[in-house]
Amino acid sequence: MEAVEFSGHARDMLQERNITLQWVQQAIESPDRTEVAADGNTHYIRAISEHGERFLRVVVNTRTTPKRVVTVFFDRRWGRKA
């Protein structure tokens, strides 16, 4: 995975939500979908088979060097939209 750093909030969310770095890496490197939000952050979305095919959303500020993971969460709403 290319170099990314994690905000304090993102690190907390990894631990609190039992999200592995491997899942974050999979979402960034091979997303099922990518969205660019109005604030310029890129959202990487990927179904995680080990977590019941729930969709992991990884929000990354791609304007920083290195890129900065802002937050990560399982997006319950996205599965209904897809």
PDB file of N, CA and C in Angstrom:
ATOM      1  N   MET A   1       0.860  -1.178   0.000  1.00  0.00           N
ATOM      2  CA  MET A   1       0.000   0.000   0.000  1.00  0.00           C
ATOM      3  C   MET A   1       0.895   1.226   0.000  1.00  0.00           C
ATOM      4  N   GLU A   2       0.498   2.225  -0.768  1.00  0.00           N
ATOM      5  CA  GLU A   2       1.269   3.457  -0.752  1.00  0.00           C
ATOM      6  C   GLU A   2       1.174   4.090   0.630  1.00  0.00           C
ATOM      7  N   ALA A   3       2.082   4.992   0.897  1.00  0.00           N
ATOM      8  CA  ALA A   3       2.164   5.583   2.234  1.00  0.00           C
ATOM      9  C   ALA A   3       0.905   6.388   2.561  1.00  0.00           C
ATOM     10  N   VAL A   4       0.301   6.049   3.678  1.00  0.00           N
ATOM     11  CA  VAL A   4      -0.808   6.828   4.233  1.00  0.00           C
ATOM     12  C   VAL A   4      -0.563   6.956   5.727  1.00  0.00           C
ATOM     13  N   GLU A   5      -1.083   8.024   6.288  1.00  0.00           N
ATOM     14  CA  GLU A   5      -1.047   8.163   7.737  1.00  0.00           C
ATOM     15  C   GLU A   5      -2.483   8.161   8.227  1.00  0.00           C
ATOM     16  N   PHE A   6      -2.660   7.892   9.498  1.00  0.00           N
ATOM     17  CA  PHE A   6      -3.986   7.810  10.090  1.00  0.00           C
ATOM     18  C   PHE A   6      -4.158   8.942  11.091  1.00  0.00           C
ATOM     19  N   SER A   7      -5.284   9.633  10.993  1.00  0.00           N
ATOM     20  CA  SER A   7      -5.601  10.634  12.005  1.00  0.00           C
ATOM     21  C   SER A   7      -5.829   9.915  13.331  1.00  0.00           C
ATOM     22  N   GLY A   8      -5.777  10.646  14.421  1.00  0.00           N
ATOM     23  CA  GLY A   8      -6.061  10.054  15.723  1.00  0.00           C
ATOM     24  C   GLY A   8      -7.452   9.454  15.755  1.00  0.00           C
ATOM     25  N   HIS A   9      -8.403  10.158  15.145  1.00  0.00           N
ATOM     26  CA  HIS A   9      -9.776   9.655  15.094  1.00  0.00           C
ATOM     27  C   HIS A   9      -9.838   8.331  14.334  1.00  0.00           C
ATOM     28  N   ALA A  10      -9.158   8.260  13.196  1.00  0.00           N
ATOM     29  CA  ALA A  10      -9.177   7.025  12.397  1.00  0.00           C
ATOM     30  C   ALA A  10      -8.571   5.865  13.186  1.00  0.00           C
ATOM     31  N   ARG A  11      -7.475   6.111  13.888  1.00  0.00           N
ATOM     32  CA  ARG A  11      -6.869   5.048  14.708  1.00  0.00           C
ATOM     33  C   ARG A  11      -7.840   4.580  15.788  1.00  0.00           C
ATOM     34  N   ASP A  12      -8.527   5.534  16.415  1.00  0.00           N
ATOM     35  CA  ASP A  12      -9.520   5.171  17.433  1.00  0.00           C
ATOM     36  C   ASP A  12     -10.638   4.321  16.837  1.00  0.00           C
ATOM     37  N   MET A  13     -11.088   4.685  15.638  1.00  0.00           N
ATOM     38  CA  MET A  13     -12.192   3.964  15.004  1.00  0.00           C
ATOM     39  C   MET A  13     -11.787   2.551  14.607  1.00  0.00           C
ATOM     40  N   LEU A  14     -10.529   2.368  14.172  1.00  0.00           N
ATOM     41  CA  LEU A  14     -10.040   1.025  13.854  1.00  0.00           C
ATOM     42  C   LEU A  14     -10.194   0.117  15.064  1.00  0.00           C
ATOM     43  N   GLN A  15      -9.760   0.619  16.202  1.00  0.00           N
ATOM     44  CA  GLN A  15      -9.802  -0.178  17.426  1.00  0.00           C
ATOM     45  C   GLN A  15     -11.241  -0.360  17.910  1.00  0.00           C
ATOM     46  N   GLU A  16     -11.996   0.728  17.972  1.00  0.00           N
ATOM     47  CA  GLU A  16     -13.362   0.683  18.504  1.00  0.00           C
ATOM     48  C   GLU A  16     -14.278  -0.203  17.667  1.00  0.00           C
ATOM     49  N   ARG A  17     -14.070  -0.194  16.349  1.00  0.00           N
ATOM     50  CA  ARG A  17     -14.968  -0.908  15.440  1.00  0.00           C
ATOM     51  C   ARG A  17     -14.382  -2.228  14.953  1.00  0.00           C
ATOM     52  N   ASN A  18     -13.250  -2.627  15.511  1.00  0.00           N
ATOM     53  CA  ASN A  18     -12.590  -3.892  15.148  1.00  0.00           C
ATOM     54  C   ASN A  18     -12.345  -4.001  13.642  1.00  0.00           C
ATOM     55  N   ILE A  19     -11.809  -2.937  13.072  1.00  0.00           N
ATOM     56  CA  ILE A  19     -11.493  -2.892  11.647  1.00  0.00           C
ATOM     57  C   ILE A  19      -9.991  -3.120  11.500  1.00  0.00           C
ATOM     58  N   THR A  20      -9.616  -4.060  10.643  1.00  0.00           N
ATOM     59  CA  THR A  20      -8.200  -4.386  10.486  1.00  0.00           C
ATOM     60  C   THR A  20      -7.532  -3.487   9.451  1.00  0.00           C
ATOM     61  N   LEU A  21      -6.229  -3.331   9.597  1.00  0.00           N
ATOM     62  CA  LEU A  21      -5.462  -2.576   8.598  1.00  0.00           C
ATOM     63  C   LEU A  21      -5.534  -3.249   7.241  1.00  0.00           C
ATOM     64  N   GLN A  22      -5.624  -4.574   7.225  1.00  0.00           N
ATOM     65  CA  GLN A  22      -5.736  -5.306   5.964  1.00  0.00           C
ATOM     66  C   GLN A  22      -7.001  -4.887   5.216  1.00  0.00           C
ATOM     67  N   TRP A  23      -8.119  -4.739   5.921  1.00  0.00           N
ATOM     68  CA  TRP A  23      -9.368  -4.331   5.276  1.00  0.00           C
ATOM     69  C   TRP A  23      -9.248  -2.913   4.716  1.00  0.00           C
ATOM     70  N   VAL A  24      -8.586  -2.033   5.466  1.00  0.00           N
ATOM     71  CA  VAL A  24      -8.380  -0.654   4.993  1.00  0.00           C
ATOM     72  C   VAL A  24      -7.534  -0.687   3.731  1.00  0.00           C
ATOM     73  N   GLN A  25      -6.477  -1.481   3.751  1.00  0.00           N
ATOM     74  CA  GLN A  25      -5.602  -1.609   2.590  1.00  0.00           C
ATOM     75  C   GLN A  25      -6.380  -2.121   1.380  1.00  0.00           C
ATOM     76  N   GLN A  26      -7.203  -3.145   1.575  1.00  0.00           N
ATOM     77  CA  GLN A  26      -8.007  -3.688   0.473  1.00  0.00           C
ATOM     78  C   GLN A  26      -8.942  -2.627  -0.095  1.00  0.00           C
ATOM     79  N   ALA A  27      -9.563  -1.847   0.780  1.00  0.00           N
ATOM     80  CA  ALA A  27     -10.499  -0.819   0.319  1.00  0.00           C
ATOM     81  C   ALA A  27      -9.791   0.247  -0.509  1.00  0.00           C
ATOM     82  N   ILE A  28      -8.615   0.663  -0.064  1.00  0.00           N
ATOM     83  CA  ILE A  28      -7.885   1.712  -0.784  1.00  0.00           C
ATOM     84  C   ILE A  28      -7.303   1.185  -2.095  1.00  0.00           C
ATOM     85  N   GLU A  29      -6.736  -0.006  -2.075  1.00  0.00           N
ATOM     86  CA  GLU A  29      -6.062  -0.534  -3.257  1.00  0.00           C
ATOM     87  C   GLU A  29      -7.011  -1.130  -4.283  1.00  0.00           C
ATOM     88  N   SER A  30      -8.153  -1.651  -3.830  1.00  0.00           N
ATOM     89  CA  SER A  30      -9.070  -2.322  -4.746  1.00  0.00           C
ATOM     90  C   SER A  30     -10.521  -2.075  -4.326  1.00  0.00           C
ATOM     91  N   PRO A  31     -10.960  -0.823  -4.410  1.00  0.00           N
ATOM     92  CA  PRO A  31     -12.319  -0.506  -3.963  1.00  0.00           C
ATOM     93  C   PRO A  31     -13.375  -1.031  -4.927  1.00  0.00           C
ATOM     94  N   ASP A  32     -14.562  -1.316  -4.388  1.00  0.00           N
ATOM     95  CA  ASP A  32     -15.708  -1.625  -5.242  1.00  0.00           C
ATOM     96  C   ASP A  32     -16.255  -0.339  -5.856  1.00  0.00           C
ATOM     97  N   ARG A  33     -16.050   0.753  -5.144  1.00  0.00           N
ATOM     98  CA  ARG A  33     -16.527   2.052  -5.615  1.00  0.00           C
ATOM     99  C   ARG A  33     -15.678   3.138  -4.970  1.00  0.00           C
ATOM    100  N   THR A  34     -15.500   4.233  -5.705  1.00  0.00           N
ATOM    101  CA  THR A  34     -14.789   5.402  -5.198  1.00  0.00           C
ATOM    102  C   THR A  34     -15.670   6.618  -5.413  1.00  0.00           C
ATOM    103  N   GLU A  35     -15.763   7.469  -4.396  1.00  0.00           N
ATOM    104  CA  GLU A  35     -16.542   8.701  -4.493  1.00  0.00           C
ATOM    105  C   GLU A  35     -15.661   9.852  -4.026  1.00  0.00           C
ATOM    106  N   VAL A  36     -15.782  11.001  -4.707  1.00  0.00           N
ATOM    107  CA  VAL A  36     -15.105  12.208  -4.247  1.00  0.00           C
ATOM    108  C   VAL A  36     -16.182  13.125  -3.682  1.00  0.00           C
ATOM    109  N   ALA A  37     -16.037  13.475  -2.414  1.00  0.00           N
ATOM    110  CA  ALA A  37     -17.025  14.300  -1.721  1.00  0.00           C
ATOM    111  C   ALA A  37     -16.807  15.777  -2.046  1.00  0.00           C
ATOM    112  N   ALA A  38     -17.779  16.584  -1.687  1.00  0.00           N
ATOM    113  CA  ALA A  38     -17.708  18.024  -1.934  1.00  0.00           C
ATOM    114  C   ALA A  38     -16.506  18.657  -1.228  1.00  0.00           C
ATOM    115  N   ASP A  39     -16.082  18.088  -0.108  1.00  0.00           N
ATOM    116  CA  ASP A  39     -14.933  18.629   0.624  1.00  0.00           C
ATOM    117  C   ASP A  39     -13.594  18.194   0.027  1.00  0.00           C
ATOM    118  N   GLY A  40     -13.635  17.394  -1.034  1.00  0.00           N
ATOM    119  CA  GLY A  40     -12.424  16.954  -1.706  1.00  0.00           C
ATOM    120  C   GLY A  40     -11.864  15.640  -1.197  1.00  0.00           C
ATOM    121  N   ASN A  41     -12.411  15.116  -0.099  1.00  0.00           N
ATOM    122  CA  ASN A  41     -11.953  13.824   0.401  1.00  0.00           C
ATOM    123  C   ASN A  41     -12.435  12.708  -0.512  1.00  0.00           C
ATOM    124  N   THR A  42     -11.618  11.673  -0.649  1.00  0.00           N
ATOM    125  CA  THR A  42     -11.970  10.514  -1.454  1.00  0.00           C
ATOM    126  C   THR A  42     -12.472   9.415  -0.532  1.00  0.00           C
ATOM    127  N   HIS A  43     -13.615   8.822  -0.892  1.00  0.00           N
ATOM    128  CA  HIS A  43     -14.217   7.735  -0.123  1.00  0.00           C
ATOM    129  C   HIS A  43     -14.008   6.446  -0.903  1.00  0.00           C
ATOM    130  N   TYR A  44     -13.318   5.497  -0.285  1.00  0.00           N
ATOM    131  CA  TYR A  44     -13.086   4.187  -0.876  1.00  0.00           C
ATOM    132  C   TYR A  44     -14.047   3.220  -0.207  1.00  0.00           C
ATOM    133  N   ILE A  45     -14.829   2.499  -0.997  1.00  0.00           N
ATOM    134  CA  ILE A  45     -15.864   1.616  -0.461  1.00  0.00           C
ATOM    135  C   ILE A  45     -15.624   0.211  -0.986  1.00  0.00           C
ATOM    136  N   ARG A  46     -15.647  -0.734  -0.058  1.00  0.00           N
ATOM    137  CA  ARG A  46     -15.407  -2.125  -0.450  1.00  0.00           C
ATOM    138  C   ARG A  46     -16.176  -3.063   0.467  1.00  0.00           C
ATOM    139  N   ALA A  47     -16.793  -4.093  -0.142  1.00  0.00           N
ATOM    140  CA  ALA A  47     -17.437  -5.146   0.630  1.00  0.00           C
ATOM    141  C   ALA A  47     -16.352  -5.998   1.278  1.00  0.00           C
ATOM    142  N   ILE A  48     -16.518  -6.287   2.553  1.00  0.00           N
ATOM    143  CA  ILE A  48     -15.550  -7.086   3.298  1.00  0.00           C
ATOM    144  C   ILE A  48     -16.175  -8.451   3.567  1.00  0.00           C
ATOM    145  N   SER A  49     -15.695  -9.470   2.859  1.00  0.00           N
ATOM    146  CA  SER A  49     -16.294 -10.802   2.955  1.00  0.00           C
ATOM    147  C   SER A  49     -16.176 -11.371   4.365  1.00  0.00           C
ATOM    148  N   GLU A  50     -15.086 -11.079   5.044  1.00  0.00           N
ATOM    149  CA  GLU A  50     -14.889 -11.594   6.397  1.00  0.00           C
ATOM    150  C   GLU A  50     -15.815 -10.939   7.419  1.00  0.00           C
ATOM    151  N   HIS A  51     -16.516  -9.904   6.987  1.00  0.00           N
ATOM    152  CA  HIS A  51     -17.415  -9.187   7.888  1.00  0.00           C
ATOM    153  C   HIS A  51     -18.838  -9.172   7.306  1.00  0.00           C
ATOM    154  N   GLY A  52     -19.245 -10.328   6.770  1.00  0.00           N
ATOM    155  CA  GLY A  52     -20.615 -10.484   6.286  1.00  0.00           C
ATOM    156  C   GLY A  52     -20.953  -9.647   5.072  1.00  0.00           C
ATOM    157  N   GLU A  53     -19.948  -9.375   4.225  1.00  0.00           N
ATOM    158  CA  GLU A  53     -20.143  -8.563   3.014  1.00  0.00           C
ATOM    159  C   GLU A  53     -20.611  -7.150   3.323  1.00  0.00           C
ATOM    160  N   ARG A  54     -20.394  -6.686   4.551  1.00  0.00           N
ATOM    161  CA  ARG A  54     -20.725  -5.296   4.863  1.00  0.00           C
ATOM    162  C   ARG A  54     -19.733  -4.386   4.160  1.00  0.00           C
ATOM    163  N   PHE A  55     -20.167  -3.167   3.865  1.00  0.00           N
ATOM    164  CA  PHE A  55     -19.354  -2.232   3.101  1.00  0.00           C
ATOM    165  C   PHE A  55     -18.533  -1.337   4.020  1.00  0.00           C
ATOM    166  N   LEU A  56     -17.212  -1.417   3.854  1.00  0.00           N
ATOM    167  CA  LEU A  56     -16.299  -0.573   4.604  1.00  0.00           C
ATOM    168  C   LEU A  56     -16.071   0.707   3.812  1.00  0.00           C
ATOM    169  N   ARG A  57     -16.215   1.835   4.478  1.00  0.00           N
ATOM    170  CA  ARG A  57     -15.946   3.136   3.857  1.00  0.00           C
ATOM    171  C   ARG A  57     -14.698   3.705   4.521  1.00  0.00           C
ATOM    172  N   VAL A  58     -13.709   4.015   3.700  1.00  0.00           N
ATOM    173  CA  VAL A  58     -12.461   4.612   4.173  1.00  0.00           C
ATOM    174  C   VAL A  58     -12.383   6.007   3.560  1.00  0.00           C
ATOM    175  N   VAL A  59     -12.388   7.023   4.404  1.00  0.00           N
ATOM    176  CA  VAL A  59     -12.365   8.412   3.951  1.00  0.00           C
ATOM    177  C   VAL A  59     -10.932   8.916   4.039  1.00  0.00           C
ATOM    178  N   VAL A  60     -10.411   9.377   2.880  1.00  0.00           N
ATOM    179  CA  VAL A  60      -9.004   9.757   2.795  1.00  0.00           C
ATOM    180  C   VAL A  60      -8.875  11.176   2.251  1.00  0.00           C
ATOM    181  N   ASN A  61      -8.074  11.974   2.941  1.00  0.00           N
ATOM    182  CA  ASN A  61      -7.711  13.288   2.428  1.00  0.00           C
ATOM    183  C   ASN A  61      -6.533  13.059   1.488  1.00  0.00           C
ATOM    184  N   THR A  62      -6.797  13.132   0.192  1.00  0.00           N
ATOM    185  CA  THR A  62      -5.760  12.848  -0.812  1.00  0.00           C
ATOM    186  C   THR A  62      -4.953  14.088  -1.172  1.00  0.00           C
ATOM    187  N   ARG A  63      -5.281  15.228  -0.556  1.00  0.00           N
ATOM    188  CA  ARG A  63      -4.571  16.469  -0.856  1.00  0.00           C
ATOM    189  C   ARG A  63      -3.328  16.643   0.020  1.00  0.00           C
ATOM    190  N   THR A  64      -3.161  15.765   1.006  1.00  0.00           N
ATOM    191  CA  THR A  64      -2.000  15.865   1.886  1.00  0.00           C
ATOM    192  C   THR A  64      -0.926  14.883   1.430  1.00  0.00           C
ATOM    193  N   THR A  65       0.300  15.130   1.880  1.00  0.00           N
ATOM    194  CA  THR A  65       1.399  14.205   1.606  1.00  0.00           C
ATOM    195  C   THR A  65       2.028  13.831   2.932  1.00  0.00           C
ATOM    196  N   PRO A  66       1.985  12.571   3.339  1.00  0.00           N
ATOM    197  CA  PRO A  66       1.274  11.490   2.651  1.00  0.00           C
ATOM    198  C   PRO A  66      -0.234  11.646   2.817  1.00  0.00           C
ATOM    199  N   LYS A  67      -0.960  10.841   2.035  1.00  0.00           N
ATOM    200  CA  LYS A  67      -2.411  10.850   2.155  1.00  0.00           C
ATOM    201  C   LYS A  67      -2.788  10.510   3.584  1.00  0.00           C
ATOM    202  N   ARG A  68      -3.918  11.077   4.052  1.00  0.00           N
ATOM    203  CA  ARG A  68      -4.313  10.917   5.452  1.00  0.00           C
ATOM    204  C   ARG A  68      -5.687  10.276   5.553  1.00  0.00           C
ATOM    205  N   VAL A  69      -5.760   9.116   6.230  1.00  0.00           N
ATOM    206  CA  VAL A  69      -7.046   8.470   6.486  1.00  0.00           C
ATOM    207  C   VAL A  69      -7.724   9.267   7.587  1.00  0.00           C
ATOM    208  N   VAL A  70      -8.909   9.793   7.258  1.00  0.00           N
ATOM    209  CA  VAL A  70      -9.650  10.659   8.171  1.00  0.00           C
ATOM    210  C   VAL A  70     -10.522   9.826   9.108  1.00  0.00           C
ATOM    211  N   THR A  71     -11.245   8.843   8.537  1.00  0.00           N
ATOM    212  CA  THR A  71     -12.104   7.967   9.328  1.00  0.00           C
ATOM    213  C   THR A  71     -12.375   6.687   8.560  1.00  0.00           C
ATOM    214  N   VAL A  72     -12.836   5.681   9.262  1.00  0.00           N
ATOM    215  CA  VAL A  72     -13.226   4.399   8.660  1.00  0.00           C
ATOM    216  C   VAL A  72     -14.463   3.890   9.395  1.00  0.00           C
ATOM    217  N   PHE A  73     -15.396   3.337   8.620  1.00  0.00           N
ATOM    218  CA  PHE A  73     -16.597   2.782   9.252  1.00  0.00           C
ATOM    219  C   PHE A  73     -17.319   1.868   8.279  1.00  0.00           C
ATOM    220  N   PHE A  74     -18.147   0.972   8.838  1.00  0.00           N
ATOM    221  CA  PHE A  74     -19.000   0.138   8.013  1.00  0.00           C
ATOM    222  C   PHE A  74     -20.256   0.937   7.699  1.00  0.00           C
ATOM    223  N   ASP A  75     -20.480   1.167   6.418  1.00  0.00           N
ATOM    224  CA  ASP A  75     -21.560   2.035   5.949  1.00  0.00           C
ATOM    225  C   ASP A  75     -22.812   1.207   5.717  1.00  0.00           C
ATOM    226  N   ARG A  76     -23.699   1.228   6.654  1.00  0.00           N
ATOM    227  CA  ARG A  76     -24.938   0.432   6.554  1.00  0.00           C
ATOM    228  C   ARG A  76     -25.857   0.952   5.447  1.00  0.00           C
ATOM    229  N   ARG A  77     -25.832   2.255   5.215  1.00  0.00           N
ATOM    230  CA  ARG A  77     -26.717   2.843   4.194  1.00  0.00           C
ATOM    231  C   ARG A  77     -26.255   2.519   2.780  1.00  0.00           C
ATOM    232  N   TRP A  78     -24.953   2.393   2.556  1.00  0.00           N
ATOM    233  CA  TRP A  78     -24.458   2.223   1.192  1.00  0.00           C
ATOM    234  C   TRP A  78     -24.949   0.923   0.572  1.00  0.00           C
ATOM    235  N   GLY A  79     -25.014  -0.133   1.330  1.00  0.00           N
ATOM    236  CA  GLY A  79     -25.468  -1.424   0.808  1.00  0.00           C
ATOM    237  C   GLY A  79     -26.872  -1.363   0.241  1.00  0.00           C
ATOM    238  N   ARG A  80     -27.719  -0.509   0.821  1.00  0.00           N
ATOM    239  CA  ARG A  80     -29.079  -0.377   0.313  1.00  0.00           C
ATOM    240  C   ARG A  80     -29.119   0.446  -0.965  1.00  0.00           C
ATOM    241  N   LYS A  81     -28.146   1.361  -1.152  1.00  0.00           N
ATOM    242  CA  LYS A  81     -28.114   2.196  -2.353  1.00  0.00           C
ATOM    243  C   LYS A  81     -27.557   1.467  -3.550  1.00  0.00           C
ATOM    244  N   ALA A  82     -26.644   0.527  -3.286  1.00  0.00           N
ATOM    245  CA  ALA A  82     -25.907  -0.140  -4.372  1.00  0.00           C
ATOM    246  C   ALA A  82     -26.812  -1.019  -5.207  1.00  0.00           C
TER     247      ALA A  82
END
